[in-house]
């Protein structure tokens, strides 16, 4: 079974703690999953070179998830095996004063992929219906309106040649506790810790509800959501790499046709 079928969000779903530990693509071996990820990324790299040369298709990979779910780690994994040329990652933090002066999609639209590119969003426009909802910065009516904005935005991207893959990294609350504690105990990782991580952890169920609603409201065949178990870091990376590989394979990429005139040129 393809990863797209394994992880595609069903019509009705709930974010269950036990599902965060699933490893349907792996054999339970961290080293085995890492080896398979490297192999998958080699194939992704070959196809990404054709994507860049052809300059026809655009691919957008959206990564969302709770703190410590592994968005940064997933980006590092992809960069470790793919040529950085034609691969671009954007991390969306709190809006700057300049960005806040525009509509909330303004800053996002500037970073969508161009022809031949794979763009990765480390967090994304979905923050505007997640953190804003949980912190009660927007009400239910505004949240529903923004779902509509996002659906329209993603449909426009799809209709103009962008293939969209949206991934929710599903981590359990207990695994998040372990990772936050590890940050506190390791001086080399303490810089990652923020007090807001603790504050948001107290609203765990509220965040889960917000994610469930946003995912169900914006899932579409042209902009599908995939729920990737994230308690295992190696399996998480394998799942994302495999989803990206299948996406590129479905595009049926081809090298640009040869130019007969170039074949006649002689370099002197």
C-alpha atoms as a PDB file:
ATOM      1  CA  UNK A   1       0.000   0.000   0.000  1.00  0.00           C
ATOM      2  CA  UNK A   2       1.238   3.480  -0.852  1.00  0.00           C
ATOM      3  CA  UNK A   3       2.142   5.932   1.886  1.00  0.00           C
ATOM      4  CA  UNK A   4      -0.466   8.311   0.484  1.00  0.00           C
ATOM      5  CA  UNK A   5      -3.148   5.717   1.262  1.00  0.00           C
ATOM      6  CA  UNK A   6      -1.697   4.811   4.658  1.00  0.00           C
ATOM      7  CA  UNK A   7      -1.545   8.361   5.964  1.00  0.00           C
ATOM      8  CA  UNK A   8      -4.329  10.197   4.113  1.00  0.00           C
ATOM      9  CA  UNK A   9      -6.767  11.669   6.588  1.00  0.00           C
ATOM     10  CA  UNK A  10     -10.131   9.840   6.558  1.00  0.00           C
ATOM     11  CA  UNK A  11     -13.459  11.623   6.207  1.00  0.00           C
ATOM     12  CA  UNK A  12     -13.948  11.354   9.958  1.00  0.00           C
ATOM     13  CA  UNK A  13     -11.042  11.071  12.349  1.00  0.00           C
ATOM     14  CA  UNK A  14      -9.821  11.860  15.844  1.00  0.00           C
ATOM     15  CA  UNK A  15      -6.237  12.492  16.898  1.00  0.00           C
ATOM     16  CA  UNK A  16      -5.718   9.515  19.193  1.00  0.00           C
ATOM     17  CA  UNK A  17      -2.637   9.293  21.398  1.00  0.00           C
ATOM     18  CA  UNK A  18      -1.933   5.662  20.504  1.00  0.00           C
ATOM     19  CA  UNK A  19      -1.776   6.428  16.771  1.00  0.00           C
ATOM     20  CA  UNK A  20       1.281   8.658  17.270  1.00  0.00           C
ATOM     21  CA  UNK A  21       3.427   5.555  17.855  1.00  0.00           C
ATOM     22  CA  UNK A  22       2.389   3.702  14.688  1.00  0.00           C
ATOM     23  CA  UNK A  23       5.183   2.697  12.290  1.00  0.00           C
ATOM     24  CA  UNK A  24       3.446   1.167   9.260  1.00  0.00           C
ATOM     25  CA  UNK A  25       6.400   1.728   6.913  1.00  0.00           C
ATOM     26  CA  UNK A  26       9.125   0.478   9.249  1.00  0.00           C
ATOM     27  CA  UNK A  27      10.272  -2.742  10.833  1.00  0.00           C
ATOM     28  CA  UNK A  28      10.793  -1.264  14.305  1.00  0.00           C
ATOM     29  CA  UNK A  29      14.497  -0.723  13.698  1.00  0.00           C
ATOM     30  CA  UNK A  30      15.774   2.863  13.876  1.00  0.00           C
ATOM     31  CA  UNK A  31      18.837   2.014  11.812  1.00  0.00           C
ATOM     32  CA  UNK A  32      16.659   0.235   9.271  1.00  0.00           C
ATOM     33  CA  UNK A  33      14.331   3.220   8.936  1.00  0.00           C
ATOM     34  CA  UNK A  34      17.295   5.589   8.532  1.00  0.00           C
ATOM     35  CA  UNK A  35      18.802   3.376   5.831  1.00  0.00           C
ATOM     36  CA  UNK A  36      15.498   3.219   3.968  1.00  0.00           C
ATOM     37  CA  UNK A  37      15.088   6.989   4.273  1.00  0.00           C
ATOM     38  CA  UNK A  38      18.499   7.506   2.668  1.00  0.00           C
ATOM     39  CA  UNK A  39      17.499   5.195  -0.181  1.00  0.00           C
ATOM     40  CA  UNK A  40      14.186   7.004  -0.713  1.00  0.00           C
ATOM     41  CA  UNK A  41      15.892  10.406  -0.658  1.00  0.00           C
ATOM     42  CA  UNK A  42      18.334   9.252  -3.352  1.00  0.00           C
ATOM     43  CA  UNK A  43      15.350   8.609  -5.614  1.00  0.00           C
ATOM     44  CA  UNK A  44      13.745  11.886  -4.575  1.00  0.00           C
ATOM     45  CA  UNK A  45      16.974  13.698  -5.438  1.00  0.00           C
ATOM     46  CA  UNK A  46      17.054  12.200  -8.936  1.00  0.00           C
ATOM     47  CA  UNK A  47      13.468  13.254  -9.604  1.00  0.00           C
ATOM     48  CA  UNK A  48      13.995  16.674  -8.049  1.00  0.00           C
ATOM     49  CA  UNK A  49      16.789  17.318 -10.548  1.00  0.00           C
ATOM     50  CA  UNK A  50      14.376  16.594 -13.404  1.00  0.00           C
ATOM     51  CA  UNK A  51      11.731  18.779 -11.736  1.00  0.00           C
ATOM     52  CA  UNK A  52      14.211  21.651 -11.604  1.00  0.00           C
ATOM     53  CA  UNK A  53      15.371  21.136 -15.185  1.00  0.00           C
ATOM     54  CA  UNK A  54      11.862  20.823 -16.603  1.00  0.00           C
ATOM     55  CA  UNK A  55      10.613  24.000 -14.878  1.00  0.00           C
ATOM     56  CA  UNK A  56       6.984  22.952 -15.320  1.00  0.00           C
ATOM     57  CA  UNK A  57       5.707  21.708 -11.969  1.00  0.00           C
ATOM     58  CA  UNK A  58       5.731  23.257  -8.488  1.00  0.00           C
ATOM     59  CA  UNK A  59       5.576  21.279  -5.222  1.00  0.00           C
ATOM     60  CA  UNK A  60       4.572  22.651  -1.821  1.00  0.00           C
ATOM     61  CA  UNK A  61       5.138  20.554   1.306  1.00  0.00           C
ATOM     62  CA  UNK A  62       3.391  21.925   4.408  1.00  0.00           C
ATOM     63  CA  UNK A  63       4.552  20.682   7.825  1.00  0.00           C
ATOM     64  CA  UNK A  64       2.362  21.336  10.853  1.00  0.00           C
ATOM     65  CA  UNK A  65       2.423  19.872  14.333  1.00  0.00           C
ATOM     66  CA  UNK A  66       2.689  20.515  18.041  1.00  0.00           C
ATOM     67  CA  UNK A  67       5.954  21.748  19.543  1.00  0.00           C
ATOM     68  CA  UNK A  68       8.694  19.055  19.416  1.00  0.00           C
ATOM     69  CA  UNK A  69       6.778  17.030  16.791  1.00  0.00           C
ATOM     70  CA  UNK A  70       9.830  17.244  14.526  1.00  0.00           C
ATOM     71  CA  UNK A  71       9.212  19.871  11.874  1.00  0.00           C
ATOM     72  CA  UNK A  72      12.813  21.126  12.026  1.00  0.00           C
ATOM     73  CA  UNK A  73      14.142  17.576  12.071  1.00  0.00           C
ATOM     74  CA  UNK A  74      12.086  16.635   9.032  1.00  0.00           C
ATOM     75  CA  UNK A  75      13.442  19.627   7.115  1.00  0.00           C
ATOM     76  CA  UNK A  76      17.030  18.694   8.047  1.00  0.00           C
ATOM     77  CA  UNK A  77      16.409  15.145   6.886  1.00  0.00           C
ATOM     78  CA  UNK A  78      15.156  16.300   3.493  1.00  0.00           C
ATOM     79  CA  UNK A  79      18.064  18.686   3.011  1.00  0.00           C
ATOM     80  CA  UNK A  80      20.515  15.913   3.878  1.00  0.00           C
ATOM     81  CA  UNK A  81      19.558  13.934   0.802  1.00  0.00           C
ATOM     82  CA  UNK A  82      18.290  16.455  -1.757  1.00  0.00           C
ATOM     83  CA  UNK A  83      20.231  18.994  -3.791  1.00  0.00           C
ATOM     84  CA  UNK A  84      19.579  22.393  -2.155  1.00  0.00           C
ATOM     85  CA  UNK A  85      19.200  23.914  -5.628  1.00  0.00           C
ATOM     86  CA  UNK A  86      15.473  24.012  -6.225  1.00  0.00           C
ATOM     87  CA  UNK A  87      14.656  23.206  -2.603  1.00  0.00           C
ATOM     88  CA  UNK A  88      13.567  26.045  -0.328  1.00  0.00           C
ATOM     89  CA  UNK A  89      12.339  25.960   3.268  1.00  0.00           C
ATOM     90  CA  UNK A  90      10.507  28.789   5.038  1.00  0.00           C
ATOM     91  CA  UNK A  91       9.863  28.862   8.780  1.00  0.00           C
ATOM     92  CA  UNK A  92       6.860  30.954   9.766  1.00  0.00           C
ATOM     93  CA  UNK A  93       7.156  32.575  13.181  1.00  0.00           C
ATOM     94  CA  UNK A  94       4.915  35.239  14.730  1.00  0.00           C
ATOM     95  CA  UNK A  95       4.173  37.960  12.135  1.00  0.00           C
ATOM     96  CA  UNK A  96       6.485  40.963  12.102  1.00  0.00           C
ATOM     97  CA  UNK A  97       4.909  44.443  12.384  1.00  0.00           C
ATOM     98  CA  UNK A  98       5.265  44.781   8.609  1.00  0.00           C
ATOM     99  CA  UNK A  99       3.577  41.426   7.948  1.00  0.00           C
ATOM    100  CA  UNK A 100       0.823  42.153  10.455  1.00  0.00           C
ATOM    101  CA  UNK A 101      -0.050  45.256   8.449  1.00  0.00           C
ATOM    102  CA  UNK A 102      -1.275  43.100   5.564  1.00  0.00           C
ATOM    103  CA  UNK A 103      -3.780  40.268   5.293  1.00  0.00           C
ATOM    104  CA  UNK A 104      -2.533  37.081   6.937  1.00  0.00           C
ATOM    105  CA  UNK A 105      -1.917  35.283   3.623  1.00  0.00           C
ATOM    106  CA  UNK A 106       0.295  38.059   2.223  1.00  0.00           C
ATOM    107  CA  UNK A 107       3.535  36.833   3.764  1.00  0.00           C
ATOM    108  CA  UNK A 108       2.727  33.223   2.879  1.00  0.00           C
ATOM    109  CA  UNK A 109       2.061  33.867  -0.794  1.00  0.00           C
ATOM    110  CA  UNK A 110       5.558  35.310  -1.225  1.00  0.00           C
ATOM    111  CA  UNK A 111       7.120  31.934  -0.385  1.00  0.00           C
ATOM    112  CA  UNK A 112       5.087  29.527  -2.521  1.00  0.00           C
ATOM    113  CA  UNK A 113       7.205  27.523  -4.979  1.00  0.00           C
ATOM    114  CA  UNK A 114       8.151  28.745  -8.430  1.00  0.00           C
ATOM    115  CA  UNK A 115       8.236  26.395 -11.418  1.00  0.00           C
ATOM    116  CA  UNK A 116      10.823  23.703 -10.814  1.00  0.00           C
ATOM    117  CA  UNK A 117      10.937  24.227  -7.049  1.00  0.00           C
ATOM    118  CA  UNK A 118      10.030  22.243  -3.968  1.00  0.00           C
ATOM    119  CA  UNK A 119       9.042  24.633  -1.178  1.00  0.00           C
ATOM    120  CA  UNK A 120       8.714  23.471   2.422  1.00  0.00           C
ATOM    121  CA  UNK A 121       6.623  25.393   4.935  1.00  0.00           C
ATOM    122  CA  UNK A 122       7.784  24.819   8.519  1.00  0.00           C
ATOM    123  CA  UNK A 123       4.487  25.934  10.039  1.00  0.00           C
ATOM    124  CA  UNK A 124       2.316  27.852   7.634  1.00  0.00           C
ATOM    125  CA  UNK A 125      -0.864  29.804   7.015  1.00  0.00           C
ATOM    126  CA  UNK A 126      -2.599  27.250   9.247  1.00  0.00           C
ATOM    127  CA  UNK A 127      -1.212  29.004  12.303  1.00  0.00           C
ATOM    128  CA  UNK A 128      -3.901  31.617  11.627  1.00  0.00           C
ATOM    129  CA  UNK A 129      -6.660  29.109  12.462  1.00  0.00           C
ATOM    130  CA  UNK A 130      -4.736  27.271  15.202  1.00  0.00           C
ATOM    131  CA  UNK A 131      -2.836  29.414  17.689  1.00  0.00           C
ATOM    132  CA  UNK A 132      -5.140  32.368  17.026  1.00  0.00           C
ATOM    133  CA  UNK A 133      -8.174  30.198  17.779  1.00  0.00           C
ATOM    134  CA  UNK A 134      -6.696  28.554  20.886  1.00  0.00           C
ATOM    135  CA  UNK A 135      -5.644  31.922  22.324  1.00  0.00           C
ATOM    136  CA  UNK A 136      -9.087  33.313  21.460  1.00  0.00           C
ATOM    137  CA  UNK A 137      -7.651  35.980  19.179  1.00  0.00           C
ATOM    138  CA  UNK A 138     -10.361  35.060  16.677  1.00  0.00           C
ATOM    139  CA  UNK A 139     -13.871  33.791  17.252  1.00  0.00           C
ATOM    140  CA  UNK A 140     -15.736  30.881  15.655  1.00  0.00           C
ATOM    141  CA  UNK A 141     -17.220  32.999  12.855  1.00  0.00           C
ATOM    142  CA  UNK A 142     -13.822  34.433  11.860  1.00  0.00           C
ATOM    143  CA  UNK A 143     -12.250  30.991  12.053  1.00  0.00           C
ATOM    144  CA  UNK A 144     -14.823  29.604   9.613  1.00  0.00           C
ATOM    145  CA  UNK A 145     -14.229  32.554   7.304  1.00  0.00           C
ATOM    146  CA  UNK A 146     -10.490  31.841   7.338  1.00  0.00           C
ATOM    147  CA  UNK A 147     -11.073  28.188   6.487  1.00  0.00           C
ATOM    148  CA  UNK A 148     -12.780  29.511   3.371  1.00  0.00           C
ATOM    149  CA  UNK A 149      -9.872  31.828   2.597  1.00  0.00           C
ATOM    150  CA  UNK A 150      -7.418  28.934   2.922  1.00  0.00           C
ATOM    151  CA  UNK A 151      -9.503  26.632   0.712  1.00  0.00           C
ATOM    152  CA  UNK A 152      -9.663  29.324  -1.971  1.00  0.00           C
ATOM    153  CA  UNK A 153      -5.927  30.077  -1.655  1.00  0.00           C
ATOM    154  CA  UNK A 154      -4.925  26.434  -2.007  1.00  0.00           C
ATOM    155  CA  UNK A 155      -7.323  25.858  -4.886  1.00  0.00           C
ATOM    156  CA  UNK A 156      -5.780  28.811  -6.718  1.00  0.00           C
ATOM    157  CA  UNK A 157      -2.283  27.382  -6.150  1.00  0.00           C
ATOM    158  CA  UNK A 158      -3.372  23.965  -7.409  1.00  0.00           C
ATOM    159  CA  UNK A 159      -5.087  25.380 -10.476  1.00  0.00           C
ATOM    160  CA  UNK A 160      -1.911  27.273 -11.396  1.00  0.00           C
ATOM    161  CA  UNK A 161       0.351  24.237 -11.272  1.00  0.00           C
ATOM    162  CA  UNK A 162       1.279  23.667  -7.622  1.00  0.00           C
ATOM    163  CA  UNK A 163       1.068  20.161  -6.186  1.00  0.00           C
ATOM    164  CA  UNK A 164       0.272  20.496  -2.486  1.00  0.00           C
ATOM    165  CA  UNK A 165       1.136  17.967   0.232  1.00  0.00           C
ATOM    166  CA  UNK A 166       0.069  18.849   3.787  1.00  0.00           C
ATOM    167  CA  UNK A 167       1.488  16.811   6.663  1.00  0.00           C
ATOM    168  CA  UNK A 168       0.418  16.874  10.290  1.00  0.00           C
ATOM    169  CA  UNK A 169       3.135  15.409  12.517  1.00  0.00           C
ATOM    170  CA  UNK A 170       1.173  13.537  15.168  1.00  0.00           C
ATOM    171  CA  UNK A 171       3.072  13.321  18.458  1.00  0.00           C
ATOM    172  CA  UNK A 172       1.674  11.980  21.724  1.00  0.00           C
ATOM    173  CA  UNK A 173       1.518  14.141  24.824  1.00  0.00           C
ATOM    174  CA  UNK A 174       3.857  11.815  26.727  1.00  0.00           C
ATOM    175  CA  UNK A 175       6.452  11.865  23.948  1.00  0.00           C
ATOM    176  CA  UNK A 176       6.318  15.645  23.906  1.00  0.00           C
ATOM    177  CA  UNK A 177       6.954  15.628  27.671  1.00  0.00           C
ATOM    178  CA  UNK A 178      10.075  13.513  27.155  1.00  0.00           C
ATOM    179  CA  UNK A 179      11.412  15.771  24.415  1.00  0.00           C
ATOM    180  CA  UNK A 180      10.789  18.965  26.370  1.00  0.00           C
ATOM    181  CA  UNK A 181      12.504  17.463  29.414  1.00  0.00           C
ATOM    182  CA  UNK A 182      15.458  16.439  27.245  1.00  0.00           C
ATOM    183  CA  UNK A 183      15.813  20.043  26.096  1.00  0.00           C
ATOM    184  CA  UNK A 184      15.926  21.247  29.674  1.00  0.00           C
ATOM    185  CA  UNK A 185      18.558  18.722  30.700  1.00  0.00           C
ATOM    186  CA  UNK A 186      20.892  19.218  27.730  1.00  0.00           C
ATOM    187  CA  UNK A 187      22.774  22.562  27.703  1.00  0.00           C
ATOM    188  CA  UNK A 188      23.173  22.240  23.947  1.00  0.00           C
ATOM    189  CA  UNK A 189      19.407  22.047  23.505  1.00  0.00           C
ATOM    190  CA  UNK A 190      18.214  24.545  26.083  1.00  0.00           C
ATOM    191  CA  UNK A 191      18.192  27.308  23.480  1.00  0.00           C
ATOM    192  CA  UNK A 192      15.242  25.502  21.871  1.00  0.00           C
ATOM    193  CA  UNK A 193      13.152  25.752  25.034  1.00  0.00           C
ATOM    194  CA  UNK A 194      10.571  28.495  25.399  1.00  0.00           C
ATOM    195  CA  UNK A 195       8.212  29.065  28.308  1.00  0.00           C
ATOM    196  CA  UNK A 196       5.359  29.255  25.821  1.00  0.00           C
ATOM    197  CA  UNK A 197       5.930  25.531  25.161  1.00  0.00           C
ATOM    198  CA  UNK A 198       4.727  24.829  28.699  1.00  0.00           C
ATOM    199  CA  UNK A 199       1.827  27.245  28.421  1.00  0.00           C
ATOM    200  CA  UNK A 200       0.650  25.688  25.174  1.00  0.00           C
ATOM    201  CA  UNK A 201       1.085  22.173  26.564  1.00  0.00           C
ATOM    202  CA  UNK A 202      -1.542  23.018  29.182  1.00  0.00           C
ATOM    203  CA  UNK A 203      -3.969  23.562  26.287  1.00  0.00           C
ATOM    204  CA  UNK A 204      -3.146  20.220  24.655  1.00  0.00           C
ATOM    205  CA  UNK A 205      -6.710  19.041  24.054  1.00  0.00           C
ATOM    206  CA  UNK A 206      -7.769  22.464  22.808  1.00  0.00           C
ATOM    207  CA  UNK A 207      -4.961  22.398  20.257  1.00  0.00           C
ATOM    208  CA  UNK A 208      -5.908  18.860  19.198  1.00  0.00           C
ATOM    209  CA  UNK A 209      -9.494  19.993  18.637  1.00  0.00           C
ATOM    210  CA  UNK A 210      -8.295  22.974  16.610  1.00  0.00           C
ATOM    211  CA  UNK A 211      -6.126  20.731  14.436  1.00  0.00           C
ATOM    212  CA  UNK A 212      -8.912  18.232  13.882  1.00  0.00           C
ATOM    213  CA  UNK A 213     -11.327  20.958  12.793  1.00  0.00           C
ATOM    214  CA  UNK A 214      -8.804  22.715  10.532  1.00  0.00           C
ATOM    215  CA  UNK A 215      -7.707  19.496   8.857  1.00  0.00           C
ATOM    216  CA  UNK A 216     -11.250  18.319   8.171  1.00  0.00           C
ATOM    217  CA  UNK A 217     -12.303  21.780   6.946  1.00  0.00           C
ATOM    218  CA  UNK A 218      -9.440  22.105   4.452  1.00  0.00           C
ATOM    219  CA  UNK A 219      -8.714  18.570   3.249  1.00  0.00           C
ATOM    220  CA  UNK A 220      -9.243  18.226  -0.505  1.00  0.00           C
ATOM    221  CA  UNK A 221      -7.987  16.024  -3.316  1.00  0.00           C
ATOM    222  CA  UNK A 222      -5.986  18.955  -4.708  1.00  0.00           C
ATOM    223  CA  UNK A 223      -4.647  19.834  -1.232  1.00  0.00           C
ATOM    224  CA  UNK A 224      -4.665  16.612   0.809  1.00  0.00           C
ATOM    225  CA  UNK A 225      -3.802  16.218   4.474  1.00  0.00           C
ATOM    226  CA  UNK A 226      -1.691  13.317   5.714  1.00  0.00           C
ATOM    227  CA  UNK A 227      -1.407  12.305   9.381  1.00  0.00           C
ATOM    228  CA  UNK A 228       2.155  11.074   9.988  1.00  0.00           C
ATOM    229  CA  UNK A 229       2.940   9.396  13.340  1.00  0.00           C
ATOM    230  CA  UNK A 230       5.811  11.353  14.899  1.00  0.00           C
ATOM    231  CA  UNK A 231       6.757   9.577  18.135  1.00  0.00           C
ATOM    232  CA  UNK A 232       9.513   7.784  16.184  1.00  0.00           C
ATOM    233  CA  UNK A 233      11.854  10.291  14.543  1.00  0.00           C
ATOM    234  CA  UNK A 234      13.378   7.860  12.001  1.00  0.00           C
ATOM    235  CA  UNK A 235       9.961   6.560  10.933  1.00  0.00           C
ATOM    236  CA  UNK A 236       8.638  10.141  10.718  1.00  0.00           C
ATOM    237  CA  UNK A 237      11.448  11.041   8.311  1.00  0.00           C
ATOM    238  CA  UNK A 238      10.872   7.871   6.290  1.00  0.00           C
ATOM    239  CA  UNK A 239       7.156   8.624   5.977  1.00  0.00           C
ATOM    240  CA  UNK A 240       7.684  12.201   4.802  1.00  0.00           C
ATOM    241  CA  UNK A 241      10.401  11.215   2.326  1.00  0.00           C
ATOM    242  CA  UNK A 242       8.150   8.476   0.939  1.00  0.00           C
ATOM    243  CA  UNK A 243       5.204  10.859   0.559  1.00  0.00           C
ATOM    244  CA  UNK A 244       7.442  13.275  -1.324  1.00  0.00           C
ATOM    245  CA  UNK A 245       8.770  10.493  -3.551  1.00  0.00           C
ATOM    246  CA  UNK A 246       5.272   9.315  -4.445  1.00  0.00           C
ATOM    247  CA  UNK A 247       4.258  12.907  -5.177  1.00  0.00           C
ATOM    248  CA  UNK A 248       7.138  13.383  -7.614  1.00  0.00           C
ATOM    249  CA  UNK A 249       6.509  10.014  -9.239  1.00  0.00           C
ATOM    250  CA  UNK A 250       2.872  10.937  -9.858  1.00  0.00           C
ATOM    251  CA  UNK A 251       3.998  14.037 -11.787  1.00  0.00           C
ATOM    252  CA  UNK A 252       5.570  11.792 -14.457  1.00  0.00           C
ATOM    253  CA  UNK A 253       8.532  14.112 -14.802  1.00  0.00           C
ATOM    254  CA  UNK A 254      10.516  14.218 -18.037  1.00  0.00           C
ATOM    255  CA  UNK A 255      13.813  15.771 -19.032  1.00  0.00           C
ATOM    256  CA  UNK A 256      13.403  18.800 -21.311  1.00  0.00           C
ATOM    257  CA  UNK A 257      13.499  17.750 -24.993  1.00  0.00           C
ATOM    258  CA  UNK A 258      16.963  17.996 -26.542  1.00  0.00           C
ATOM    259  CA  UNK A 259      17.794  20.940 -28.760  1.00  0.00           C
ATOM    260  CA  UNK A 260      19.092  19.684 -32.110  1.00  0.00           C
ATOM    261  CA  UNK A 261      20.995  22.922 -32.670  1.00  0.00           C
ATOM    262  CA  UNK A 262      23.013  22.399 -29.506  1.00  0.00           C
ATOM    263  CA  UNK A 263      24.177  19.003 -30.770  1.00  0.00           C
ATOM    264  CA  UNK A 264      25.832  20.757 -33.700  1.00  0.00           C
ATOM    265  CA  UNK A 265      27.839  23.149 -31.519  1.00  0.00           C
ATOM    266  CA  UNK A 266      31.539  22.499 -31.070  1.00  0.00           C
ATOM    267  CA  UNK A 267      33.368  23.931 -28.069  1.00  0.00           C
ATOM    268  CA  UNK A 268      36.749  25.345 -29.071  1.00  0.00           C
END
